[in-house]
Amino acid sequence: PTLREKAAADMIIYAPHRVTLAPH
């Protein structure tokens, strides 16, 4: 990744990072 792409990843925050979903 370029510096610009790394900057994009560094600014993104999200949660949760893992989910378990029951049917539907």
mmCIF file of all heavy atoms, coordinates in Angstrom:
data_MODEL
# 
_entry.id   MODEL 
# 
loop_
_atom_site.group_PDB 
_atom_site.id 
_atom_site.type_symbol 
_atom_site.label_atom_id 
_atom_site.label_alt_id 
_atom_site.label_comp_id 
_atom_site.label_asym_id 
_atom_site.label_entity_id 
_atom_site.label_seq_id 
_atom_site.pdbx_PDB_ins_code 
_atom_site.Cartn_x 
_atom_site.Cartn_y 
_atom_site.Cartn_z 
_atom_site.occupancy 
_atom_site.B_iso_or_equiv 
_atom_site.pdbx_formal_charge 
_atom_site.auth_seq_id 
_atom_site.auth_comp_id 
_atom_site.auth_asym_id 
_atom_site.auth_atom_id 
_atom_site.pdbx_PDB_model_num 
ATOM 1   N N   . PRO A 1 1  ? 0.818   -1.216  0.000  1.00 0.00 ? 1  PRO A N   1 
ATOM 2   C CA  . PRO A 1 1  ? 0.000   0.000   0.000  1.00 0.00 ? 1  PRO A CA  1 
ATOM 3   C C   . PRO A 1 1  ? 0.847   1.260   0.000  1.00 0.00 ? 1  PRO A C   1 
ATOM 4   O O   . PRO A 1 1  ? 1.931   1.318   0.588  1.00 0.00 ? 1  PRO A O   1 
ATOM 5   C CB  . PRO A 1 1  ? -0.816  -0.115  1.291  1.00 0.00 ? 1  PRO A CB  1 
ATOM 6   C CG  . PRO A 1 1  ? -0.033  -1.051  2.152  1.00 0.00 ? 1  PRO A CG  1 
ATOM 7   C CD  . PRO A 1 1  ? 0.614   -2.012  1.218  1.00 0.00 ? 1  PRO A CD  1 
ATOM 8   N N   . THR A 1 2  ? 0.327   2.286   -0.685 1.00 0.00 ? 2  THR A N   1 
ATOM 9   C CA  . THR A 1 2  ? 0.978   3.588   -0.704 1.00 0.00 ? 2  THR A CA  1 
ATOM 10  C C   . THR A 1 2  ? 0.709   4.317   0.610  1.00 0.00 ? 2  THR A C   1 
ATOM 11  O O   . THR A 1 2  ? -0.115  3.892   1.433  1.00 0.00 ? 2  THR A O   1 
ATOM 12  C CB  . THR A 1 2  ? 0.439   4.426   -1.865 1.00 0.00 ? 2  THR A CB  1 
ATOM 13  O OG1 . THR A 1 2  ? -0.968  4.675   -1.636 1.00 0.00 ? 2  THR A OG1 1 
ATOM 14  C CG2 . THR A 1 2  ? 0.607   3.701   -3.202 1.00 0.00 ? 2  THR A CG2 1 
ATOM 15  N N   . LEU A 1 3  ? 1.400   5.435   0.799  1.00 0.00 ? 3  LEU A N   1 
ATOM 16  C CA  . LEU A 1 3  ? 1.160   6.238   2.001  1.00 0.00 ? 3  LEU A CA  1 
ATOM 17  C C   . LEU A 1 3  ? -0.283  6.713   2.057  1.00 0.00 ? 3  LEU A C   1 
ATOM 18  O O   . LEU A 1 3  ? -0.882  6.787   3.141  1.00 0.00 ? 3  LEU A O   1 
ATOM 19  C CB  . LEU A 1 3  ? 2.125   7.432   2.019  1.00 0.00 ? 3  LEU A CB  1 
ATOM 20  C CG  . LEU A 1 3  ? 3.610   7.098   2.224  1.00 0.00 ? 3  LEU A CG  1 
ATOM 21  C CD1 . LEU A 1 3  ? 4.448   8.368   2.138  1.00 0.00 ? 3  LEU A CD1 1 
ATOM 22  C CD2 . LEU A 1 3  ? 3.830   6.405   3.570  1.00 0.00 ? 3  LEU A CD2 1 
ATOM 23  N N   . ARG A 1 4  ? -0.843  7.031   0.908  1.00 0.00 ? 4  ARG A N   1 
ATOM 24  C CA  . ARG A 1 4  ? -2.236  7.488   0.866  1.00 0.00 ? 4  ARG A CA  1 
ATOM 25  C C   . ARG A 1 4  ? -3.178  6.361   1.268  1.00 0.00 ? 4  ARG A C   1 
ATOM 26  O O   . ARG A 1 4  ? -4.145  6.573   2.019  1.00 0.00 ? 4  ARG A O   1 
ATOM 27  C CB  . ARG A 1 4  ? -2.570  7.999   -0.533 1.00 0.00 ? 4  ARG A CB  1 
ATOM 28  C CG  . ARG A 1 4  ? -3.928  8.679   -0.639 1.00 0.00 ? 4  ARG A CG  1 
ATOM 29  C CD  . ARG A 1 4  ? -4.181  9.178   -2.056 1.00 0.00 ? 4  ARG A CD  1 
ATOM 30  N NE  . ARG A 1 4  ? -5.312  10.073  -2.091 1.00 0.00 ? 4  ARG A NE  1 
ATOM 31  C CZ  . ARG A 1 4  ? -5.256  11.364  -1.866 1.00 0.00 ? 4  ARG A CZ  1 
ATOM 32  N NH1 . ARG A 1 4  ? -4.099  11.940  -1.581 1.00 0.00 ? 4  ARG A NH1 1 
ATOM 33  N NH2 . ARG A 1 4  ? -6.341  12.116  -1.926 1.00 0.00 ? 4  ARG A NH2 1 
ATOM 34  N N   . GLU A 1 5  ? -2.922  5.150   0.799  1.00 0.00 ? 5  GLU A N   1 
ATOM 35  C CA  . GLU A 1 5  ? -3.759  4.020   1.173  1.00 0.00 ? 5  GLU A CA  1 
ATOM 36  C C   . GLU A 1 5  ? -3.620  3.701   2.655  1.00 0.00 ? 5  GLU A C   1 
ATOM 37  O O   . GLU A 1 5  ? -4.610  3.393   3.336  1.00 0.00 ? 5  GLU A O   1 
ATOM 38  C CB  . GLU A 1 5  ? -3.394  2.806   0.312  1.00 0.00 ? 5  GLU A CB  1 
ATOM 39  C CG  . GLU A 1 5  ? -3.852  2.956   -1.132 1.00 0.00 ? 5  GLU A CG  1 
ATOM 40  C CD  . GLU A 1 5  ? -3.231  1.928   -2.064 1.00 0.00 ? 5  GLU A CD  1 
ATOM 41  O OE1 . GLU A 1 5  ? -2.100  1.445   -1.769 1.00 0.00 ? 5  GLU A OE1 1 
ATOM 42  O OE2 . GLU A 1 5  ? -3.853  1.619   -3.097 1.00 0.00 ? 5  GLU A OE2 1 
ATOM 43  N N   . LYS A 1 6  ? -2.404  3.778   3.186  1.00 0.00 ? 6  LYS A N   1 
ATOM 44  C CA  . LYS A 1 6  ? -2.207  3.555   4.614  1.00 0.00 ? 6  LYS A CA  1 
ATOM 45  C C   . LYS A 1 6  ? -2.930  4.612   5.437  1.00 0.00 ? 6  LYS A C   1 
ATOM 46  O O   . LYS A 1 6  ? -3.500  4.309   6.498  1.00 0.00 ? 6  LYS A O   1 
ATOM 47  C CB  . LYS A 1 6  ? -0.721  3.555   4.939  1.00 0.00 ? 6  LYS A CB  1 
ATOM 48  C CG  . LYS A 1 6  ? 0.045   2.359   4.389  1.00 0.00 ? 6  LYS A CG  1 
ATOM 49  C CD  . LYS A 1 6  ? 1.527   2.477   4.718  1.00 0.00 ? 6  LYS A CD  1 
ATOM 50  C CE  . LYS A 1 6  ? 2.310   1.294   4.170  1.00 0.00 ? 6  LYS A CE  1 
ATOM 51  N NZ  . LYS A 1 6  ? 3.767   1.409   4.438  1.00 0.00 ? 6  LYS A NZ  1 
ATOM 52  N N   . ALA A 1 7  ? -2.925  5.858   4.957  1.00 0.00 ? 7  ALA A N   1 
ATOM 53  C CA  . ALA A 1 7  ? -3.632  6.923   5.669  1.00 0.00 ? 7  ALA A CA  1 
ATOM 54  C C   . ALA A 1 7  ? -5.126  6.646   5.708  1.00 0.00 ? 7  ALA A C   1 
ATOM 55  O O   . ALA A 1 7  ? -5.798  6.916   6.719  1.00 0.00 ? 7  ALA A O   1 
ATOM 56  C CB  . ALA A 1 7  ? -3.350  8.273   5.002  1.00 0.00 ? 7  ALA A CB  1 
ATOM 57  N N   . ALA A 1 8  ? -5.665  6.081   4.615  1.00 0.00 ? 8  ALA A N   1 
ATOM 58  C CA  . ALA A 1 8  ? -7.089  5.734   4.582  1.00 0.00 ? 8  ALA A CA  1 
ATOM 59  C C   . ALA A 1 8  ? -7.410  4.675   5.626  1.00 0.00 ? 8  ALA A C   1 
ATOM 60  O O   . ALA A 1 8  ? -8.395  4.782   6.374  1.00 0.00 ? 8  ALA A O   1 
ATOM 61  C CB  . ALA A 1 8  ? -7.471  5.244   3.187  1.00 0.00 ? 8  ALA A CB  1 
ATOM 62  N N   . ALA A 1 9  ? -6.571  3.644   5.710  1.00 0.00 ? 9  ALA A N   1 
ATOM 63  C CA  . ALA A 1 9  ? -6.822  2.577   6.682  1.00 0.00 ? 9  ALA A CA  1 
ATOM 64  C C   . ALA A 1 9  ? -6.691  3.088   8.112  1.00 0.00 ? 9  ALA A C   1 
ATOM 65  O O   . ALA A 1 9  ? -7.457  2.686   8.994  1.00 0.00 ? 9  ALA A O   1 
ATOM 66  C CB  . ALA A 1 9  ? -5.856  1.420   6.438  1.00 0.00 ? 9  ALA A CB  1 
ATOM 67  N N   . ASP A 1 10 ? -5.739  3.968   8.351  1.00 0.00 ? 10 ASP A N   1 
ATOM 68  C CA  . ASP A 1 10 ? -5.504  4.464   9.707  1.00 0.00 ? 10 ASP A CA  1 
ATOM 69  C C   . ASP A 1 10 ? -6.667  5.295   10.235 1.00 0.00 ? 10 ASP A C   1 
ATOM 70  O O   . ASP A 1 10 ? -6.885  5.355   11.452 1.00 0.00 ? 10 ASP A O   1 
ATOM 71  C CB  . ASP A 1 10 ? -4.222  5.302   9.746  1.00 0.00 ? 10 ASP A CB  1 
ATOM 72  C CG  . ASP A 1 10 ? -2.967  4.454   9.579  1.00 0.00 ? 10 ASP A CG  1 
ATOM 73  O OD1 . ASP A 1 10 ? -3.058  3.231   9.753  1.00 0.00 ? 10 ASP A OD1 1 
ATOM 74  O OD2 . ASP A 1 10 ? -1.907  5.025   9.262  1.00 0.00 ? 10 ASP A OD2 1 
ATOM 75  N N   . MET A 1 11 ? -7.416  5.947   9.340  1.00 0.00 ? 11 MET A N   1 
ATOM 76  C CA  . MET A 1 11 ? -8.488  6.824   9.819  1.00 0.00 ? 11 MET A CA  1 
ATOM 77  C C   . MET A 1 11 ? -9.835  6.114   9.968  1.00 0.00 ? 11 MET A C   1 
ATOM 78  O O   . MET A 1 11 ? -10.765 6.677   10.536 1.00 0.00 ? 11 MET A O   1 
ATOM 79  C CB  . MET A 1 11 ? -8.625  8.039   8.894  1.00 0.00 ? 11 MET A CB  1 
ATOM 80  C CG  . MET A 1 11 ? -9.315  7.761   7.580  1.00 0.00 ? 11 MET A CG  1 
ATOM 81  S SD  . MET A 1 11 ? -9.576  9.276   6.611  1.00 0.00 ? 11 MET A SD  1 
ATOM 82  C CE  . MET A 1 11 ? -7.995  9.434   5.783  1.00 0.00 ? 11 MET A CE  1 
ATOM 83  N N   . ILE A 1 12 ? -9.949  4.877   9.459  1.00 0.00 ? 12 ILE A N   1 
ATOM 84  C CA  . ILE A 1 12 ? -11.214 4.152   9.542  1.00 0.00 ? 12 ILE A CA  1 
ATOM 85  C C   . ILE A 1 12 ? -11.317 3.443   10.889 1.00 0.00 ? 12 ILE A C   1 
ATOM 86  O O   . ILE A 1 12 ? -10.417 2.700   11.294 1.00 0.00 ? 12 ILE A O   1 
ATOM 87  C CB  . ILE A 1 12 ? -11.322 3.116   8.404  1.00 0.00 ? 12 ILE A CB  1 
ATOM 88  C CG1 . ILE A 1 12 ? -11.321 3.810   7.036  1.00 0.00 ? 12 ILE A CG1 1 
ATOM 89  C CG2 . ILE A 1 12 ? -12.586 2.269   8.566  1.00 0.00 ? 12 ILE A CG2 1 
ATOM 90  C CD1 . ILE A 1 12 ? -12.490 4.725   6.806  1.00 0.00 ? 12 ILE A CD1 1 
ATOM 91  N N   . ILE A 1 13 ? -12.421 3.678   11.594 1.00 0.00 ? 13 ILE A N   1 
ATOM 92  C CA  . ILE A 1 13 ? -12.697 2.967   12.836 1.00 0.00 ? 13 ILE A CA  1 
ATOM 93  C C   . ILE A 1 13 ? -14.052 2.284   12.700 1.00 0.00 ? 13 ILE A C   1 
ATOM 94  O O   . ILE A 1 13 ? -14.984 2.830   12.102 1.00 0.00 ? 13 ILE A O   1 
ATOM 95  C CB  . ILE A 1 13 ? -12.682 3.910   14.057 1.00 0.00 ? 13 ILE A CB  1 
ATOM 96  C CG1 . ILE A 1 13 ? -13.687 5.064   13.876 1.00 0.00 ? 13 ILE A CG1 1 
ATOM 97  C CG2 . ILE A 1 13 ? -11.292 4.462   14.293 1.00 0.00 ? 13 ILE A CG2 1 
ATOM 98  C CD1 . ILE A 1 13 ? -13.812 5.940   15.110 1.00 0.00 ? 13 ILE A CD1 1 
ATOM 99  N N   . TYR A 1 14 ? -14.149 1.073   13.243 1.00 0.00 ? 14 TYR A N   1 
ATOM 100 C CA  . TYR A 1 14 ? -15.401 0.322   13.143 1.00 0.00 ? 14 TYR A CA  1 
ATOM 101 C C   . TYR A 1 14 ? -15.469 -0.690  14.279 1.00 0.00 ? 14 TYR A C   1 
ATOM 102 O O   . TYR A 1 14 ? -14.459 -1.085  14.863 1.00 0.00 ? 14 TYR A O   1 
ATOM 103 C CB  . TYR A 1 14 ? -15.518 -0.381  11.787 1.00 0.00 ? 14 TYR A CB  1 
ATOM 104 C CG  . TYR A 1 14 ? -14.430 -1.386  11.519 1.00 0.00 ? 14 TYR A CG  1 
ATOM 105 C CD1 . TYR A 1 14 ? -14.612 -2.742  11.800 1.00 0.00 ? 14 TYR A CD1 1 
ATOM 106 C CD2 . TYR A 1 14 ? -13.197 -0.992  11.004 1.00 0.00 ? 14 TYR A CD2 1 
ATOM 107 C CE1 . TYR A 1 14 ? -13.608 -3.660  11.569 1.00 0.00 ? 14 TYR A CE1 1 
ATOM 108 C CE2 . TYR A 1 14 ? -12.193 -1.903  10.764 1.00 0.00 ? 14 TYR A CE2 1 
ATOM 109 C CZ  . TYR A 1 14 ? -12.402 -3.239  11.048 1.00 0.00 ? 14 TYR A CZ  1 
ATOM 110 O OH  . TYR A 1 14 ? -11.396 -4.144  10.818 1.00 0.00 ? 14 TYR A OH  1 
ATOM 111 N N   . ALA A 1 15 ? -16.686 -1.118  14.585 1.00 0.00 ? 15 ALA A N   1 
ATOM 112 C CA  . ALA A 1 15 ? -16.900 -2.123  15.636 1.00 0.00 ? 15 ALA A CA  1 
ATOM 113 C C   . ALA A 1 15 ? -18.286 -2.736  15.418 1.00 0.00 ? 15 ALA A C   1 
ATOM 114 O O   . ALA A 1 15 ? -19.222 -2.052  14.988 1.00 0.00 ? 15 ALA A O   1 
ATOM 115 C CB  . ALA A 1 15 ? -16.810 -1.478  17.023 1.00 0.00 ? 15 ALA A CB  1 
ATOM 116 N N   . PRO A 1 16 ? -18.410 -4.055  15.720 1.00 0.00 ? 16 PRO A N   1 
ATOM 117 C CA  . PRO A 1 16 ? -17.365 -4.974  16.160 1.00 0.00 ? 16 PRO A CA  1 
ATOM 118 C C   . PRO A 1 16 ? -16.514 -5.468  14.991 1.00 0.00 ? 16 PRO A C   1 
ATOM 119 O O   . PRO A 1 16 ? -16.813 -5.187  13.838 1.00 0.00 ? 16 PRO A O   1 
ATOM 120 C CB  . PRO A 1 16 ? -18.168 -6.127  16.777 1.00 0.00 ? 16 PRO A CB  1 
ATOM 121 C CG  . PRO A 1 16 ? -19.436 -6.133  15.989 1.00 0.00 ? 16 PRO A CG  1 
ATOM 122 C CD  . PRO A 1 16 ? -19.748 -4.688  15.703 1.00 0.00 ? 16 PRO A CD  1 
ATOM 123 N N   . HIS A 1 17 ? -15.451 -6.219  15.307 1.00 0.00 ? 17 HIS A N   1 
ATOM 124 C CA  . HIS A 1 17 ? -14.563 -6.775  14.292 1.00 0.00 ? 17 HIS A CA  1 
ATOM 125 C C   . HIS A 1 17 ? -14.907 -8.221  13.960 1.00 0.00 ? 17 HIS A C   1 
ATOM 126 O O   . HIS A 1 17 ? -14.319 -8.789  13.036 1.00 0.00 ? 17 HIS A O   1 
ATOM 127 C CB  . HIS A 1 17 ? -13.111 -6.697  14.762 1.00 0.00 ? 17 HIS A CB  1 
ATOM 128 C CG  . HIS A 1 17 ? -12.579 -5.297  14.757 1.00 0.00 ? 17 HIS A CG  1 
ATOM 129 N ND1 . HIS A 1 17 ? -11.247 -5.009  14.596 1.00 0.00 ? 17 HIS A ND1 1 
ATOM 130 C CD2 . HIS A 1 17 ? -13.188 -4.087  14.896 1.00 0.00 ? 17 HIS A CD2 1 
ATOM 131 C CE1 . HIS A 1 17 ? -11.057 -3.695  14.634 1.00 0.00 ? 17 HIS A CE1 1 
ATOM 132 N NE2 . HIS A 1 17 ? -12.232 -3.129  14.826 1.00 0.00 ? 17 HIS A NE2 1 
ATOM 133 N N   . ARG A 1 18 ? -15.821 -8.795  14.720 1.00 0.00 ? 18 ARG A N   1 
ATOM 134 C CA  . ARG A 1 18 ? -16.228 -10.183 14.502 1.00 0.00 ? 18 ARG A CA  1 
ATOM 135 C C   . ARG A 1 18 ? -17.646 -10.336 15.003 1.00 0.00 ? 18 ARG A C   1 
ATOM 136 O O   . ARG A 1 18 ? -17.985 -9.833  16.082 1.00 0.00 ? 18 ARG A O   1 
ATOM 137 C CB  . ARG A 1 18 ? -15.271 -11.131 15.227 1.00 0.00 ? 18 ARG A CB  1 
ATOM 138 C CG  . ARG A 1 18 ? -15.644 -12.611 15.162 1.00 0.00 ? 18 ARG A CG  1 
ATOM 139 C CD  . ARG A 1 18 ? -14.586 -13.416 15.889 1.00 0.00 ? 18 ARG A CD  1 
ATOM 140 N NE  . ARG A 1 18 ? -14.991 -14.816 16.041 1.00 0.00 ? 18 ARG A NE  1 
ATOM 141 C CZ  . ARG A 1 18 ? -14.179 -15.842 15.845 1.00 0.00 ? 18 ARG A CZ  1 
ATOM 142 N NH1 . ARG A 1 18 ? -12.928 -15.639 15.501 1.00 0.00 ? 18 ARG A NH1 1 
ATOM 143 N NH2 . ARG A 1 18 ? -14.616 -17.080 16.017 1.00 0.00 ? 18 ARG A NH2 1 
ATOM 144 N N   . VAL A 1 19 ? -18.489 -11.025 14.226 1.00 0.00 ? 19 VAL A N   1 
ATOM 145 C CA  . VAL A 1 19 ? -19.880 -11.222 14.626 1.00 0.00 ? 19 VAL A CA  1 
ATOM 146 C C   . VAL A 1 19 ? -20.287 -12.663 14.371 1.00 0.00 ? 19 VAL A C   1 
ATOM 147 O O   . VAL A 1 19 ? -19.806 -13.297 13.432 1.00 0.00 ? 19 VAL A O   1 
ATOM 148 C CB  . VAL A 1 19 ? -20.845 -10.278 13.877 1.00 0.00 ? 19 VAL A CB  1 
ATOM 149 C CG1 . VAL A 1 19 ? -20.566 -8.832  14.204 1.00 0.00 ? 19 VAL A CG1 1 
ATOM 150 C CG2 . VAL A 1 19 ? -20.793 -10.508 12.376 1.00 0.00 ? 19 VAL A CG2 1 
ATOM 151 N N   . THR A 1 20 ? -21.155 -13.171 15.225 1.00 0.00 ? 20 THR A N   1 
ATOM 152 C CA  . THR A 1 20 ? -21.805 -14.461 15.011 1.00 0.00 ? 20 THR A CA  1 
ATOM 153 C C   . THR A 1 20 ? -23.293 -14.201 14.911 1.00 0.00 ? 20 THR A C   1 
ATOM 154 O O   . THR A 1 20 ? -23.898 -13.631 15.830 1.00 0.00 ? 20 THR A O   1 
ATOM 155 C CB  . THR A 1 20 ? -21.503 -15.443 16.157 1.00 0.00 ? 20 THR A CB  1 
ATOM 156 O OG1 . THR A 1 20 ? -20.093 -15.694 16.199 1.00 0.00 ? 20 THR A OG1 1 
ATOM 157 C CG2 . THR A 1 20 ? -22.227 -16.759 15.933 1.00 0.00 ? 20 THR A CG2 1 
ATOM 158 N N   . LEU A 1 21 ? -23.882 -14.612 13.785 1.00 0.00 ? 21 LEU A N   1 
ATOM 159 C CA  . LEU A 1 21 ? -25.281 -14.321 13.517 1.00 0.00 ? 21 LEU A CA  1 
ATOM 160 C C   . LEU A 1 21 ? -26.088 -15.610 13.501 1.00 0.00 ? 21 LEU A C   1 
ATOM 161 O O   . LEU A 1 21 ? -25.733 -16.575 12.813 1.00 0.00 ? 21 LEU A O   1 
ATOM 162 C CB  . LEU A 1 21 ? -25.439 -13.612 12.165 1.00 0.00 ? 21 LEU A CB  1 
ATOM 163 C CG  . LEU A 1 21 ? -24.675 -12.303 11.974 1.00 0.00 ? 21 LEU A CG  1 
ATOM 164 C CD1 . LEU A 1 21 ? -24.914 -11.757 10.572 1.00 0.00 ? 21 LEU A CD1 1 
ATOM 165 C CD2 . LEU A 1 21 ? -25.107 -11.280 13.016 1.00 0.00 ? 21 LEU A CD2 1 
ATOM 166 N N   . ALA A 1 22 ? -27.171 -15.618 14.260 1.00 0.00 ? 22 ALA A N   1 
ATOM 167 C CA  . ALA A 1 22 ? -28.126 -16.717 14.165 1.00 0.00 ? 22 ALA A CA  1 
ATOM 168 C C   . ALA A 1 22 ? -28.864 -16.612 12.835 1.00 0.00 ? 22 ALA A C   1 
ATOM 169 O O   . ALA A 1 22 ? -28.837 -15.561 12.182 1.00 0.00 ? 22 ALA A O   1 
ATOM 170 C CB  . ALA A 1 22 ? -29.107 -16.649 15.336 1.00 0.00 ? 22 ALA A CB  1 
ATOM 171 N N   . PRO A 1 23 ? -29.524 -17.668 12.394 1.00 0.00 ? 23 PRO A N   1 
ATOM 172 C CA  . PRO A 1 23 ? -30.275 -17.588 11.134 1.00 0.00 ? 23 PRO A CA  1 
ATOM 173 C C   . PRO A 1 23 ? -31.276 -16.435 11.139 1.00 0.00 ? 23 PRO A C   1 
ATOM 174 O O   . PRO A 1 23 ? -31.998 -16.227 12.113 1.00 0.00 ? 23 PRO A O   1 
ATOM 175 C CB  . PRO A 1 23 ? -30.984 -18.949 11.062 1.00 0.00 ? 23 PRO A CB  1 
ATOM 176 C CG  . PRO A 1 23 ? -30.107 -19.869 11.857 1.00 0.00 ? 23 PRO A CG  1 
ATOM 177 C CD  . PRO A 1 23 ? -29.565 -19.023 12.976 1.00 0.00 ? 23 PRO A CD  1 
ATOM 178 N N   . HIS A 1 24 ? -31.246 -15.660 10.066 1.00 0.00 ? 24 HIS A N   1 
ATOM 179 C CA  . HIS A 1 24 ? -32.174 -14.536 9.857  1.00 0.00 ? 24 HIS A CA  1 
ATOM 180 C C   . HIS A 1 24 ? -32.015 -13.455 10.917 1.00 0.00 ? 24 HIS A C   1 
ATOM 181 O O   . HIS A 1 24 ? -32.959 -12.722 11.226 1.00 0.00 ? 24 HIS A O   1 
ATOM 182 C CB  . HIS A 1 24 ? -33.623 -15.034 9.805  1.00 0.00 ? 24 HIS A CB  1 
ATOM 183 C CG  . HIS A 1 24 ? -33.817 -16.167 8.838  1.00 0.00 ? 24 HIS A CG  1 
ATOM 184 N ND1 . HIS A 1 24 ? -33.762 -15.993 7.476  1.00 0.00 ? 24 HIS A ND1 1 
ATOM 185 C CD2 . HIS A 1 24 ? -34.016 -17.493 9.052  1.00 0.00 ? 24 HIS A CD2 1 
ATOM 186 C CE1 . HIS A 1 24 ? -33.943 -17.164 6.877  1.00 0.00 ? 24 HIS A CE1 1 
ATOM 187 N NE2 . HIS A 1 24 ? -34.098 -18.094 7.815  1.00 0.00 ? 24 HIS A NE2 1 
# 
